[in-house]
Protein backbone atom coordinates (compact mmCIF):
# COMPACT_ATOMS: atom_id res chain seq x y z
CA UNK A 1 104.25 63.18 86.48
CA UNK A 2 105.85 60.12 88.02
CA UNK A 3 107.07 62.12 91.04
CA UNK A 4 103.64 63.50 91.79
CA UNK A 5 102.08 59.99 91.52
CA UNK A 6 104.72 58.54 93.95
CA UNK A 7 104.10 61.21 96.48
CA UNK A 8 100.66 60.08 97.48
CA UNK A 9 101.53 56.34 97.45
CA UNK A 10 102.20 56.10 101.12
CA UNK A 11 100.60 57.67 104.14
CA UNK A 12 102.08 57.99 107.58
CA UNK A 13 99.57 57.07 110.31
CA UNK A 14 99.63 56.95 114.03
CA UNK A 15 97.94 53.74 115.38
CA UNK A 16 97.22 52.94 118.96
CA UNK A 17 95.72 50.39 121.34
CA UNK A 18 92.72 52.10 123.11
CA UNK A 19 92.89 49.73 126.10
CA UNK A 20 96.76 50.16 126.87
CA UNK A 21 97.34 53.58 125.30
CA UNK A 22 100.36 52.25 123.28
CA UNK A 23 101.00 54.11 120.05
CA UNK A 24 103.17 53.69 116.97
CA UNK A 25 103.73 55.50 113.74
CA UNK A 26 103.54 53.31 110.58
CA UNK A 27 103.49 53.91 106.75
CA UNK A 28 100.47 52.47 104.95
CA UNK A 29 100.08 50.53 102.70
CA UNK A 30 103.69 49.43 102.94
CA UNK A 31 103.38 48.15 106.52
CA UNK A 32 100.67 45.97 107.76
CA UNK A 33 98.62 47.04 110.84
CA UNK A 34 100.56 46.13 114.01
CA UNK A 35 99.13 44.22 116.98
CA UNK A 36 99.31 45.47 120.69
CA UNK A 37 102.14 43.71 122.40
CA UNK A 38 100.10 43.32 125.65
CA UNK A 39 96.62 42.20 124.60
CA UNK A 40 97.54 40.98 121.07
CA UNK A 41 94.66 42.82 119.23
CA UNK A 42 95.01 44.73 116.06
CA UNK A 43 95.68 48.46 116.79
CA UNK A 44 93.49 51.18 115.22
CA UNK A 45 94.20 54.30 113.28
CA UNK A 46 94.33 57.28 115.58
CA UNK A 47 95.51 60.06 113.19
CA UNK A 48 96.66 60.45 109.60
CA UNK A 49 99.97 62.37 109.81
CA UNK A 50 100.17 65.19 107.17
CA UNK A 51 101.79 68.13 108.97
CA UNK A 52 104.92 69.29 107.13
CA UNK A 53 104.64 66.52 104.56
CA UNK A 54 104.37 68.67 101.44
């Protein structure tokens, strides 16, 4: 059961800055939400990546 429990521990998500169209892929909750290098605002989640994960 431990292996199934750890499988759902982290989620890969694509985050982006809607103003500058800069995107990045991060792992939640291991990494904190990044900031845009241009405007210094917190990026938002664009898509949860699940394709081919399981």
